Amino acid sequence: MIEWELTDSERDEILRRVVLPLVFPDAPPTEEPPILILLAGQPGSRHSSAAGSLVRQHPDHLATVSADELRAFHPNFPDLVTAGAPEALEGVARATAGWLRDCIRFARENSRSVLVEGAFQDPALAVGIAERFGAAGFQTRLVIVASRRAESLLSAASLYLSNVRAGKLARFVSRDAHDRALEATRALAAKAAHSASVDRLTVIGRAGDLEFDAVRADGDEVFRDAGAALEAGQSAHLSRFDSTQWLSELHHLTDFAMTRRDLPGGAIELLVELHEIALREVIPELHVPSDGKFISAIEQKTVVRLDELRRALPREEVIDLAAPVVTPRGPERGGISR
């Protein structure tokens, strides 16, 4: 029987012999002060892609740390795909959380530049980390990825279902968990704007474009527009091309999901939400005549799939029949009706 819980000595041994040497390889001394970068974004926001860009901007041995990468150091991680039991996930999560704390502490105590990637759902904790690193002589930078909810929610669903298809470890992110992380990015921007411990605050778009960038040394009020820039990026409209790609990916994901009988109810609920977003937000942004054949066909397909998904929900999750129902828009360009 696989033992998922590591003892303190086992966890510390893996940290000393495996984790720290790989995350923090030997590096020559540098005259530049070390830097801490906190990279935040909700699941599906592509913050991992942003990490690569930030590493290239800071080539002086910038270590990267994230919970997703650290969990692979658990000795039984390869068996996690087939285990799927709550105790397996909890055991790996506890070990990973410990290694994450230890890596952050190691970087601070040894003046090693580090990029820490995560959702940072507690803004006070994130700013507190920046404060401790600043006191240790680090430059501190907070980078937040601004990704629209429709896009990040679809990306989170796509990653989960792609891993299910490939037989890989599939970590499901519920709609509620995603939305809590999305709200946390806004709270973090607001907290950082009033914190002297953050030297530089940056907001980048999903595609890597710069939405906001300022350094505290330029004045006490330079961060005040960061929150507005973040919300603008999170509400940016999709181009016609991006809307078409979004819809195509949603339909392909749904085609696969409808062939499975082992998906959790939350995954079906997430697809229901995405189809409602398609009808409410994405299809109208195609910017083509509402009475055109293409729009009519894609709306009808989306409505049919939405009905199928609602019927596939577990009985306790079936949507109330008295709730608003999204119907295809006609020439009058309506949206939600009863």
Foldseek 3Di string as FASTA:
>chain_A
DDDLADDPVRLVVLLVPPVCCVQQPDADDDPDQAAEEEEAEFAQLQSVVVVVVVCVVVVRRAGEDELVVQLVSRPCVVVCLVPVDPVNVVSSSVSSVVSRVVVLVCCQVVRHHYYYYDLCLPLVVVLVSLQSSVVSRHQYEYEYEQAAPLRSLLSQLLQQLVCVVVSHRHDHDFPVNRVSSRVSSLVNLVVVLQHPSHQKYWYAYSVGHTQAIDGPVVDSRRSVCVSVSSVCRRPPADALVVLVVSLVSLVVSLVSVVVDDPDDLRSLVSSLVSLLCNQAGSLVNNPDQLADPVSVVSQVVSLVSSVVSLVSHPPVPRDDPPDWDFHRADNVRDTIDD
